[in-house]
Amino acid sequence: MQVYFIDNDDFFKRKTMYDIKPKQENDNDERAIFFVRGALEAIKKLRWIPDVIHCHGWFTALAALYLKKMYADDPCLQKAKVVYSVYDDAGQGVIPETLFGKLGFDKITPDDLSVMEQSSDYLALNRLAIRYADGVIQGSETIAPELTDYISSLEGKAFLPYQGKEDYEEAFDNFYSDLLTAN
């Protein structure tokens, strides 16, 4: 198995994974953009053509948006299905409100972000990823009820509820198979 790292000492050489400082004092927005764009650009440079790109947690929430908007016409990425796993990780990091302006540099419009309702909190980022993902997996036993309601409101969205340790292998296999054979 090959492993590639997306790194930048200014962004990732820290003692904690997420910055929990107030929104005005952290750079989680820039870190998330750098990570997501870095991963997607690496896929392009390596000329990989993935069938599925599976994103885990709020820090990767922008990936689904980028894939469906910015990379929609890219030959390497245009056919990839996006799966987003949502977790009960509220409060593990905050994204500054400056996120909206920074996404404008990547030709992301306010309409593309409407589901966030001008908020950059955990719930808003998850709603964004869920909206643009082809499928959603509940990665922890419980998630915010608002997210469960939002997923349920999206007709036709492939959704796999939380799977216990005994059942997950077959359930995931079936979920991916169904997603890949759907139009």
N, C-alpha and C. Protein backbone atom coordinates (compact mmCIF):
# COMPACT_ATOMS: atom_id res chain seq x y z
N MET A 1 0.84 -1.17 0.00
CA MET A 1 0.00 0.00 0.00
C MET A 1 0.89 1.24 0.00
N GLN A 2 0.57 2.17 -0.88
CA GLN A 2 1.28 3.43 -0.92
C GLN A 2 0.56 4.43 -0.03
N VAL A 3 1.35 5.24 0.66
CA VAL A 3 0.79 6.27 1.53
C VAL A 3 1.44 7.60 1.15
N TYR A 4 0.62 8.61 0.99
CA TYR A 4 1.10 9.95 0.68
C TYR A 4 0.63 10.90 1.78
N PHE A 5 1.49 11.83 2.15
CA PHE A 5 1.15 12.80 3.18
C PHE A 5 1.04 14.19 2.58
N ILE A 6 0.03 14.91 3.01
CA ILE A 6 -0.12 16.32 2.65
C ILE A 6 0.38 17.09 3.86
N ASP A 7 1.46 17.84 3.70
CA ASP A 7 2.08 18.45 4.87
C ASP A 7 2.44 19.91 4.60
N ASN A 8 2.45 20.66 5.67
CA ASN A 8 2.88 22.05 5.67
C ASN A 8 3.16 22.37 7.13
N ASP A 9 4.42 22.64 7.45
CA ASP A 9 4.79 22.87 8.85
C ASP A 9 3.99 23.99 9.50
N ASP A 10 3.67 25.04 8.74
CA ASP A 10 2.90 26.14 9.32
C ASP A 10 1.51 25.70 9.75
N PHE A 11 0.93 24.76 9.03
CA PHE A 11 -0.44 24.33 9.31
C PHE A 11 -0.53 23.10 10.21
N PHE A 12 0.39 22.16 10.08
CA PHE A 12 0.18 20.87 10.71
C PHE A 12 1.21 20.46 11.76
N LYS A 13 2.22 21.24 12.00
CA LYS A 13 3.20 20.86 13.02
C LYS A 13 2.76 21.46 14.35
N ARG A 14 1.74 20.84 14.92
CA ARG A 14 1.14 21.32 16.17
C ARG A 14 0.89 20.15 17.08
N LYS A 15 0.62 20.46 18.32
CA LYS A 15 0.37 19.40 19.29
C LYS A 15 -1.06 18.89 19.28
N THR A 16 -1.96 19.64 18.66
CA THR A 16 -3.35 19.21 18.59
C THR A 16 -3.79 19.11 17.14
N MET A 17 -4.77 18.26 16.90
CA MET A 17 -5.26 18.08 15.54
C MET A 17 -6.08 19.28 15.08
N TYR A 18 -6.94 19.79 15.96
CA TYR A 18 -7.81 20.92 15.63
C TYR A 18 -7.50 22.07 16.56
N ASP A 19 -7.64 23.28 16.05
CA ASP A 19 -7.46 24.48 16.86
C ASP A 19 -8.79 24.81 17.53
N ILE A 20 -8.79 24.89 18.85
CA ILE A 20 -10.03 25.17 19.57
C ILE A 20 -10.09 26.61 20.08
N LYS A 21 -9.19 27.45 19.58
CA LYS A 21 -9.24 28.87 19.93
C LYS A 21 -10.51 29.48 19.35
N PRO A 22 -10.89 30.65 19.83
CA PRO A 22 -12.06 31.31 19.23
C PRO A 22 -11.90 31.46 17.72
N LYS A 23 -13.03 31.54 17.01
CA LYS A 23 -13.02 31.56 15.55
C LYS A 23 -12.10 32.63 14.96
N GLN A 24 -12.02 33.78 15.61
CA GLN A 24 -11.24 34.88 15.06
C GLN A 24 -9.73 34.63 15.18
N GLU A 25 -9.32 33.67 15.99
CA GLU A 25 -7.90 33.50 16.27
C GLU A 25 -7.31 32.22 15.71
N ASN A 26 -8.01 31.50 14.88
CA ASN A 26 -7.42 30.27 14.38
C ASN A 26 -7.39 30.26 12.86
N ASP A 27 -6.71 29.27 12.32
CA ASP A 27 -6.58 29.15 10.87
C ASP A 27 -7.11 27.81 10.36
N ASN A 28 -8.08 27.23 11.06
CA ASN A 28 -8.64 25.96 10.62
C ASN A 28 -9.24 26.04 9.22
N ASP A 29 -9.76 27.22 8.85
CA ASP A 29 -10.31 27.36 7.49
C ASP A 29 -9.22 27.18 6.44
N GLU A 30 -8.08 27.85 6.64
CA GLU A 30 -6.97 27.73 5.70
C GLU A 30 -6.38 26.32 5.72
N ARG A 31 -6.31 25.72 6.89
CA ARG A 31 -5.79 24.35 7.00
C ARG A 31 -6.69 23.37 6.26
N ALA A 32 -8.00 23.51 6.42
CA ALA A 32 -8.94 22.60 5.75
C ALA A 32 -8.87 22.78 4.23
N ILE A 33 -8.83 24.02 3.77
CA ILE A 33 -8.73 24.28 2.33
C ILE A 33 -7.42 23.71 1.78
N PHE A 34 -6.32 23.95 2.47
CA PHE A 34 -5.02 23.44 2.04
C PHE A 34 -5.04 21.92 1.96
N PHE A 35 -5.56 21.27 2.99
CA PHE A 35 -5.59 19.81 3.03
C PHE A 35 -6.43 19.24 1.89
N VAL A 36 -7.64 19.75 1.73
CA VAL A 36 -8.55 19.23 0.70
C VAL A 36 -7.99 19.48 -0.70
N ARG A 37 -7.56 20.70 -0.96
CA ARG A 37 -7.01 21.01 -2.29
C ARG A 37 -5.74 20.22 -2.54
N GLY A 38 -4.91 20.09 -1.51
CA GLY A 38 -3.67 19.31 -1.65
C GLY A 38 -3.94 17.86 -2.01
N ALA A 39 -4.91 17.26 -1.34
CA ALA A 39 -5.25 15.86 -1.62
C ALA A 39 -5.81 15.71 -3.04
N LEU A 40 -6.70 16.61 -3.44
CA LEU A 40 -7.29 16.51 -4.78
C LEU A 40 -6.27 16.81 -5.88
N GLU A 41 -5.39 17.76 -5.64
CA GLU A 41 -4.35 18.05 -6.62
C GLU A 41 -3.35 16.90 -6.72
N ALA A 42 -3.07 16.21 -5.60
CA ALA A 42 -2.19 15.04 -5.63
C ALA A 42 -2.79 13.94 -6.50
N ILE A 43 -4.09 13.73 -6.37
CA ILE A 43 -4.77 12.73 -7.20
C ILE A 43 -4.59 13.07 -8.68
N LYS A 44 -4.74 14.34 -9.02
CA LYS A 44 -4.57 14.77 -10.42
C LYS A 44 -3.13 14.56 -10.89
N LYS A 45 -2.17 14.99 -10.07
CA LYS A 45 -0.76 14.88 -10.47
C LYS A 45 -0.34 13.43 -10.65
N LEU A 46 -0.87 12.54 -9.83
CA LEU A 46 -0.53 11.12 -9.92
C LEU A 46 -1.36 10.40 -10.97
N ARG A 47 -2.27 11.14 -11.59
CA ARG A 47 -3.16 10.62 -12.64
C ARG A 47 -3.99 9.42 -12.17
N TRP A 48 -4.40 9.50 -10.94
CA TRP A 48 -5.32 8.48 -10.43
C TRP A 48 -6.72 8.83 -10.90
N ILE A 49 -7.52 7.82 -11.12
CA ILE A 49 -8.92 8.04 -11.46
C ILE A 49 -9.73 7.23 -10.45
N PRO A 50 -10.05 7.84 -9.32
CA PRO A 50 -10.73 7.09 -8.26
C PRO A 50 -12.21 6.84 -8.59
N ASP A 51 -12.69 5.69 -8.14
CA ASP A 51 -14.13 5.41 -8.24
C ASP A 51 -14.87 6.09 -7.10
N VAL A 52 -14.24 6.06 -5.91
CA VAL A 52 -14.86 6.63 -4.71
C VAL A 52 -13.82 7.44 -3.96
N ILE A 53 -14.23 8.59 -3.47
CA ILE A 53 -13.42 9.37 -2.54
C ILE A 53 -14.23 9.45 -1.26
N HIS A 54 -13.67 8.87 -0.20
CA HIS A 54 -14.39 8.78 1.08
C HIS A 54 -13.77 9.79 2.04
N CYS A 55 -14.58 10.72 2.50
CA CYS A 55 -14.14 11.79 3.39
C CYS A 55 -14.68 11.53 4.79
N HIS A 56 -13.82 11.70 5.78
CA HIS A 56 -14.19 11.41 7.17
C HIS A 56 -14.15 12.68 8.01
N GLY A 57 -15.29 13.07 8.55
CA GLY A 57 -15.34 14.14 9.54
C GLY A 57 -15.35 15.54 8.95
N TRP A 58 -15.69 16.50 9.83
CA TRP A 58 -15.91 17.88 9.41
C TRP A 58 -14.70 18.53 8.76
N PHE A 59 -13.48 18.10 9.11
CA PHE A 59 -12.28 18.74 8.56
C PHE A 59 -12.17 18.50 7.06
N THR A 60 -12.81 17.45 6.56
CA THR A 60 -12.79 17.13 5.13
C THR A 60 -14.07 17.58 4.43
N ALA A 61 -14.92 18.29 5.12
CA ALA A 61 -16.25 18.64 4.60
C ALA A 61 -16.19 19.40 3.28
N LEU A 62 -15.15 20.16 3.06
CA LEU A 62 -15.06 20.94 1.82
C LEU A 62 -14.77 20.08 0.59
N ALA A 63 -14.30 18.86 0.79
CA ALA A 63 -13.93 18.01 -0.35
C ALA A 63 -15.10 17.74 -1.27
N ALA A 64 -16.25 17.42 -0.72
CA ALA A 64 -17.42 17.13 -1.56
C ALA A 64 -17.80 18.36 -2.38
N LEU A 65 -17.78 19.53 -1.76
CA LEU A 65 -18.08 20.78 -2.46
C LEU A 65 -17.08 21.00 -3.61
N TYR A 66 -15.80 20.90 -3.32
CA TYR A 66 -14.78 21.10 -4.34
C TYR A 66 -14.93 20.11 -5.49
N LEU A 67 -15.19 18.84 -5.17
CA LEU A 67 -15.33 17.84 -6.22
C LEU A 67 -16.52 18.10 -7.13
N LYS A 68 -17.61 18.56 -6.56
CA LYS A 68 -18.83 18.79 -7.36
C LYS A 68 -18.85 20.14 -8.05
N LYS A 69 -18.05 21.09 -7.58
CA LYS A 69 -18.07 22.43 -8.17
C LYS A 69 -16.76 22.75 -8.90
N MET A 70 -15.66 22.76 -8.20
CA MET A 70 -14.40 23.20 -8.78
C MET A 70 -13.76 22.14 -9.70
N TYR A 71 -13.92 20.87 -9.35
CA TYR A 71 -13.30 19.80 -10.12
C TYR A 71 -14.33 19.00 -10.94
N ALA A 72 -15.50 19.54 -11.15
CA ALA A 72 -16.58 18.82 -11.83
C ALA A 72 -16.22 18.41 -13.26
N ASP A 73 -15.37 19.17 -13.92
CA ASP A 73 -15.01 18.86 -15.30
C ASP A 73 -13.62 18.25 -15.43
N ASP A 74 -12.97 17.95 -14.32
CA ASP A 74 -11.63 17.39 -14.36
C ASP A 74 -11.69 15.91 -14.76
N PRO A 75 -10.93 15.50 -15.77
CA PRO A 75 -11.01 14.11 -16.24
C PRO A 75 -10.69 13.06 -15.17
N CYS A 76 -9.82 13.39 -14.24
CA CYS A 76 -9.47 12.42 -13.19
C CYS A 76 -10.53 12.31 -12.11
N LEU A 77 -11.28 13.37 -11.88
CA LEU A 77 -12.16 13.42 -10.71
C LEU A 77 -13.65 13.49 -11.02
N GLN A 78 -14.01 13.76 -12.26
CA GLN A 78 -15.41 14.04 -12.57
C GLN A 78 -16.35 12.87 -12.34
N LYS A 79 -15.87 11.65 -12.43
CA LYS A 79 -16.75 10.49 -12.26
C LYS A 79 -16.71 9.90 -10.85
N ALA A 80 -15.84 10.42 -10.01
CA ALA A 80 -15.69 9.87 -8.66
C ALA A 80 -16.95 10.10 -7.83
N LYS A 81 -17.38 9.08 -7.14
CA LYS A 81 -18.48 9.20 -6.18
C LYS A 81 -17.88 9.68 -4.86
N VAL A 82 -18.60 10.55 -4.19
CA VAL A 82 -18.12 11.09 -2.92
C VAL A 82 -18.96 10.50 -1.79
N VAL A 83 -18.27 9.91 -0.82
CA VAL A 83 -18.92 9.40 0.38
C VAL A 83 -18.41 10.23 1.54
N TYR A 84 -19.31 10.64 2.39
CA TYR A 84 -18.95 11.44 3.57
C TYR A 84 -19.40 10.70 4.82
N SER A 85 -18.45 10.47 5.73
CA SER A 85 -18.79 9.87 7.02
C SER A 85 -18.93 10.98 8.05
N VAL A 86 -20.07 10.99 8.70
CA VAL A 86 -20.37 12.01 9.71
C VAL A 86 -20.22 11.37 11.09
N TYR A 87 -19.59 12.11 11.99
CA TYR A 87 -19.29 11.62 13.33
C TYR A 87 -19.84 12.57 14.38
N ASP A 88 -19.88 12.09 15.59
CA ASP A 88 -20.27 12.92 16.73
C ASP A 88 -19.02 13.64 17.24
N ASP A 89 -18.51 14.57 16.43
CA ASP A 89 -17.28 15.27 16.80
C ASP A 89 -17.51 16.77 16.99
N ALA A 90 -18.70 17.12 17.42
CA ALA A 90 -19.00 18.53 17.68
C ALA A 90 -18.06 19.07 18.74
N GLY A 91 -17.63 20.29 18.55
CA GLY A 91 -16.79 20.93 19.55
C GLY A 91 -15.32 20.57 19.45
N GLN A 92 -14.93 19.76 18.47
CA GLN A 92 -13.53 19.38 18.35
C GLN A 92 -12.73 20.36 17.50
N GLY A 93 -13.34 21.41 17.10
CA GLY A 93 -12.65 22.42 16.31
C GLY A 93 -13.64 23.44 15.81
N VAL A 94 -13.14 24.59 15.48
CA VAL A 94 -13.99 25.65 14.95
C VAL A 94 -13.36 26.21 13.68
N ILE A 95 -14.19 26.71 12.82
CA ILE A 95 -13.74 27.31 11.56
C ILE A 95 -14.13 28.79 11.60
N PRO A 96 -13.19 29.69 11.32
CA PRO A 96 -13.52 31.11 11.35
C PRO A 96 -14.50 31.49 10.23
N GLU A 97 -15.22 32.56 10.46
CA GLU A 97 -16.20 33.07 9.49
C GLU A 97 -15.52 33.53 8.19
N THR A 98 -14.20 33.73 8.23
CA THR A 98 -13.47 34.16 7.03
C THR A 98 -13.46 33.08 5.95
N LEU A 99 -13.93 31.89 6.28
CA LEU A 99 -13.99 30.79 5.31
C LEU A 99 -14.73 31.20 4.05
N PHE A 100 -15.86 31.89 4.19
CA PHE A 100 -16.70 32.23 3.04
C PHE A 100 -15.94 33.07 2.01
N GLY A 101 -15.21 34.05 2.47
CA GLY A 101 -14.44 34.89 1.55
C GLY A 101 -13.32 34.12 0.87
N LYS A 102 -12.69 33.23 1.60
CA LYS A 102 -11.58 32.46 1.03
C LYS A 102 -12.06 31.48 -0.03
N LEU A 103 -13.24 30.93 0.14
CA LEU A 103 -13.76 30.00 -0.86
C LEU A 103 -14.10 30.70 -2.17
N GLY A 104 -14.35 32.00 -2.10
CA GLY A 104 -14.62 32.77 -3.31
C GLY A 104 -13.45 32.76 -4.29
N PHE A 105 -12.22 32.61 -3.77
CA PHE A 105 -11.05 32.53 -4.64
C PHE A 105 -11.08 31.27 -5.50
N ASP A 106 -11.80 30.27 -5.06
CA ASP A 106 -11.91 29.01 -5.80
C ASP A 106 -13.22 28.93 -6.59
N LYS A 107 -13.78 30.09 -6.86
CA LYS A 107 -15.01 30.21 -7.66
C LYS A 107 -16.20 29.48 -7.04
N ILE A 108 -16.21 29.41 -5.73
CA ILE A 108 -17.35 28.88 -4.99
C ILE A 108 -18.27 30.07 -4.73
N THR A 109 -19.52 29.97 -5.11
CA THR A 109 -20.46 31.09 -4.99
C THR A 109 -21.24 31.02 -3.67
N PRO A 110 -21.83 32.14 -3.26
CA PRO A 110 -22.69 32.11 -2.07
C PRO A 110 -23.83 31.10 -2.20
N ASP A 111 -24.37 30.92 -3.40
CA ASP A 111 -25.42 29.91 -3.60
C ASP A 111 -24.91 28.51 -3.30
N ASP A 112 -23.64 28.24 -3.64
CA ASP A 112 -23.07 26.92 -3.36
C ASP A 112 -23.00 26.65 -1.86
N LEU A 113 -22.94 27.72 -1.07
CA LEU A 113 -22.79 27.60 0.38
C LEU A 113 -24.09 27.87 1.13
N SER A 114 -25.20 27.99 0.43
CA SER A 114 -26.46 28.40 1.07
C SER A 114 -26.89 27.48 2.20
N VAL A 115 -26.57 26.20 2.11
CA VAL A 115 -26.96 25.25 3.15
C VAL A 115 -26.26 25.54 4.48
N MET A 116 -25.18 26.31 4.44
CA MET A 116 -24.46 26.65 5.66
C MET A 116 -25.14 27.78 6.43
N GLU A 117 -26.03 28.50 5.78
CA GLU A 117 -26.78 29.58 6.42
C GLU A 117 -25.86 30.60 7.10
N GLN A 118 -24.78 30.96 6.41
CA GLN A 118 -23.80 31.94 6.90
C GLN A 118 -23.20 31.57 8.25
N SER A 119 -23.13 30.30 8.54
CA SER A 119 -22.49 29.83 9.76
C SER A 119 -21.36 28.90 9.37
N SER A 120 -20.28 28.93 10.11
CA SER A 120 -19.17 28.02 9.81
C SER A 120 -18.96 27.05 10.97
N ASP A 121 -20.03 26.74 11.69
CA ASP A 121 -19.88 25.81 12.81
C ASP A 121 -19.89 24.36 12.31
N TYR A 122 -19.72 23.46 13.24
CA TYR A 122 -19.67 22.02 12.98
C TYR A 122 -20.88 21.54 12.19
N LEU A 123 -22.07 21.95 12.60
CA LEU A 123 -23.29 21.50 11.92
C LEU A 123 -23.36 22.01 10.48
N ALA A 124 -22.98 23.27 10.28
CA ALA A 124 -23.02 23.85 8.93
C ALA A 124 -22.05 23.15 7.99
N LEU A 125 -20.84 22.86 8.47
CA LEU A 125 -19.87 22.17 7.63
C LEU A 125 -20.35 20.77 7.28
N ASN A 126 -20.95 20.09 8.24
CA ASN A 126 -21.48 18.75 7.96
C ASN A 126 -22.63 18.82 6.96
N ARG A 127 -23.52 19.80 7.10
CA ARG A 127 -24.61 19.95 6.13
C ARG A 127 -24.06 20.16 4.72
N LEU A 128 -23.00 20.97 4.62
CA LEU A 128 -22.39 21.23 3.32
C LEU A 128 -21.87 19.93 2.70
N ALA A 129 -21.14 19.15 3.48
CA ALA A 129 -20.60 17.89 2.96
C ALA A 129 -21.71 16.92 2.59
N ILE A 130 -22.72 16.83 3.43
CA ILE A 130 -23.85 15.93 3.17
C ILE A 130 -24.57 16.33 1.89
N ARG A 131 -24.75 17.63 1.69
CA ARG A 131 -25.44 18.12 0.48
C ARG A 131 -24.73 17.68 -0.79
N TYR A 132 -23.40 17.80 -0.82
CA TYR A 132 -22.66 17.53 -2.04
C TYR A 132 -22.16 16.09 -2.17
N ALA A 133 -22.26 15.30 -1.13
CA ALA A 133 -21.83 13.90 -1.19
C ALA A 133 -22.86 13.07 -1.95
N ASP A 134 -22.38 12.02 -2.59
CA ASP A 134 -23.28 11.08 -3.25
C ASP A 134 -23.87 10.11 -2.24
N GLY A 135 -23.14 9.87 -1.17
CA GLY A 135 -23.61 8.97 -0.12
C GLY A 135 -23.07 9.41 1.22
N VAL A 136 -23.80 9.07 2.28
CA VAL A 136 -23.43 9.46 3.63
C VAL A 136 -23.44 8.22 4.52
N ILE A 137 -22.41 8.12 5.35
CA ILE A 137 -22.31 7.03 6.32
C ILE A 137 -22.28 7.63 7.71
N GLN A 138 -23.09 7.10 8.59
CA GLN A 138 -23.05 7.52 9.99
C GLN A 138 -21.91 6.75 10.64
N GLY A 139 -20.84 7.47 10.97
CA GLY A 139 -19.62 6.84 11.46
C GLY A 139 -19.55 6.62 12.95
N SER A 140 -20.43 7.23 13.71
CA SER A 140 -20.46 6.99 15.15
C SER A 140 -21.89 6.67 15.56
N GLU A 141 -22.00 6.04 16.71
CA GLU A 141 -23.30 5.54 17.15
C GLU A 141 -24.36 6.64 17.22
N THR A 142 -23.94 7.82 17.64
CA THR A 142 -24.86 8.95 17.69
C THR A 142 -24.26 10.12 16.92
N ILE A 143 -25.13 10.87 16.28
CA ILE A 143 -24.73 12.13 15.65
C ILE A 143 -25.79 13.16 16.03
N ALA A 144 -25.48 14.41 15.79
CA ALA A 144 -26.43 15.48 16.13
C ALA A 144 -27.77 15.22 15.46
N PRO A 145 -28.87 15.32 16.20
CA PRO A 145 -30.20 15.09 15.62
C PRO A 145 -30.48 15.99 14.41
N GLU A 146 -29.93 17.20 14.41
CA GLU A 146 -30.13 18.11 13.28
C GLU A 146 -29.57 17.51 11.99
N LEU A 147 -28.46 16.77 12.12
CA LEU A 147 -27.86 16.16 10.94
C LEU A 147 -28.66 14.95 10.47
N THR A 148 -29.17 14.18 11.41
CA THR A 148 -30.03 13.05 11.05
C THR A 148 -31.26 13.56 10.30
N ASP A 149 -31.86 14.63 10.81
CA ASP A 149 -33.03 15.22 10.16
C ASP A 149 -32.68 15.74 8.76
N TYR A 150 -31.51 16.38 8.64
CA TYR A 150 -31.11 16.92 7.35
C TYR A 150 -30.90 15.79 6.33
N ILE A 151 -30.22 14.73 6.74
CA ILE A 151 -30.00 13.59 5.84
C ILE A 151 -31.34 13.02 5.39
N SER A 152 -32.26 12.87 6.31
CA SER A 152 -33.59 12.32 6.00
C SER A 152 -34.37 13.20 5.03
N SER A 153 -34.10 14.50 5.07
CA SER A 153 -34.84 15.43 4.21
C SER A 153 -34.38 15.40 2.76
N LEU A 154 -33.24 14.79 2.51
CA LEU A 154 -32.68 14.76 1.15
C LEU A 154 -33.12 13.48 0.45
N GLU A 155 -34.12 13.62 -0.37
CA GLU A 155 -34.70 12.47 -1.06
C GLU A 155 -33.68 11.85 -2.01
N GLY A 156 -33.53 10.54 -1.91
CA GLY A 156 -32.64 9.82 -2.81
C GLY A 156 -31.19 9.79 -2.38
N LYS A 157 -30.84 10.43 -1.28
CA LYS A 157 -29.45 10.44 -0.81
C LYS A 157 -29.13 9.07 -0.22
N ALA A 158 -28.10 8.41 -0.74
CA ALA A 158 -27.68 7.11 -0.19
C ALA A 158 -27.20 7.33 1.24
N PHE A 159 -27.71 6.54 2.17
CA PHE A 159 -27.36 6.71 3.58
C PHE A 159 -27.20 5.34 4.23
N LEU A 160 -26.10 5.18 4.94
CA LEU A 160 -25.85 3.97 5.71
C LEU A 160 -25.82 4.34 7.18
N PRO A 161 -26.82 3.91 7.95
CA PRO A 161 -26.81 4.19 9.39
C PRO A 161 -25.62 3.50 10.06
N TYR A 162 -25.36 3.88 11.29
CA TYR A 162 -24.24 3.31 12.05
C TYR A 162 -24.32 1.79 12.06
N GLN A 163 -23.17 1.17 11.84
CA GLN A 163 -23.07 -0.29 11.85
C GLN A 163 -22.18 -0.73 13.00
N GLY A 164 -22.63 -1.71 13.73
CA GLY A 164 -21.82 -2.26 14.81
C GLY A 164 -20.62 -3.02 14.28
N LYS A 165 -19.74 -3.42 15.16
CA LYS A 165 -18.51 -4.12 14.77
C LYS A 165 -18.80 -5.44 14.06
N GLU A 166 -19.91 -6.06 14.39
CA GLU A 166 -20.23 -7.36 13.81
C GLU A 166 -20.75 -7.25 12.38
N ASP A 167 -21.41 -6.15 12.06
CA ASP A 167 -22.15 -6.06 10.80
C ASP A 167 -21.55 -5.15 9.74
N TYR A 168 -20.53 -4.41 10.08
CA TYR A 168 -20.12 -3.32 9.19
C TYR A 168 -19.53 -3.78 7.86
N GLU A 169 -18.80 -4.87 7.83
CA GLU A 169 -18.09 -5.26 6.61
C GLU A 169 -19.05 -5.49 5.43
N GLU A 170 -20.05 -6.31 5.64
CA GLU A 170 -21.01 -6.59 4.57
C GLU A 170 -21.84 -5.35 4.23
N ALA A 171 -22.22 -4.59 5.26
CA ALA A 171 -23.02 -3.38 5.04
C ALA A 171 -22.25 -2.36 4.20
N PHE A 172 -20.97 -2.16 4.50
CA PHE A 172 -20.16 -1.22 3.73
C PHE A 172 -19.99 -1.71 2.30
N ASP A 173 -19.73 -3.00 2.15
CA ASP A 173 -19.56 -3.57 0.81
C ASP A 173 -20.82 -3.35 -0.03
N ASN A 174 -21.97 -3.62 0.55
CA ASN A 174 -23.24 -3.40 -0.16
C ASN A 174 -23.48 -1.93 -0.47
N PHE A 175 -23.15 -1.06 0.49
CA PHE A 175 -23.33 0.38 0.30
C PHE A 175 -22.50 0.88 -0.89
N TYR A 176 -21.21 0.51 -0.91
CA TYR A 176 -20.34 0.92 -2.02
C TYR A 176 -20.81 0.34 -3.35
N SER A 177 -21.19 -0.93 -3.35
CA SER A 177 -21.68 -1.56 -4.59
C SER A 177 -22.90 -0.84 -5.13
N ASP A 178 -23.85 -0.56 -4.25
CA ASP A 178 -25.06 0.15 -4.67
C ASP A 178 -24.74 1.55 -5.19
N LEU A 179 -23.84 2.23 -4.50
CA LEU A 179 -23.48 3.60 -4.90
C LEU A 179 -22.81 3.61 -6.28
N LEU A 180 -21.94 2.65 -6.51
CA LEU A 180 -21.21 2.60 -7.78
C LEU A 180 -22.08 2.17 -8.96
N THR A 181 -23.14 1.45 -8.69
CA THR A 181 -24.01 1.01 -9.78
C THR A 181 -25.19 1.96 -10.01
N ALA A 182 -25.38 2.91 -9.10
CA ALA A 182 -26.45 3.92 -9.28
C ALA A 182 -26.05 4.88 -10.39
N ASN A 183 -27.04 5.43 -11.09
CA ASN A 183 -26.71 6.37 -12.16
C ASN A 183 -26.25 7.60 -11.51
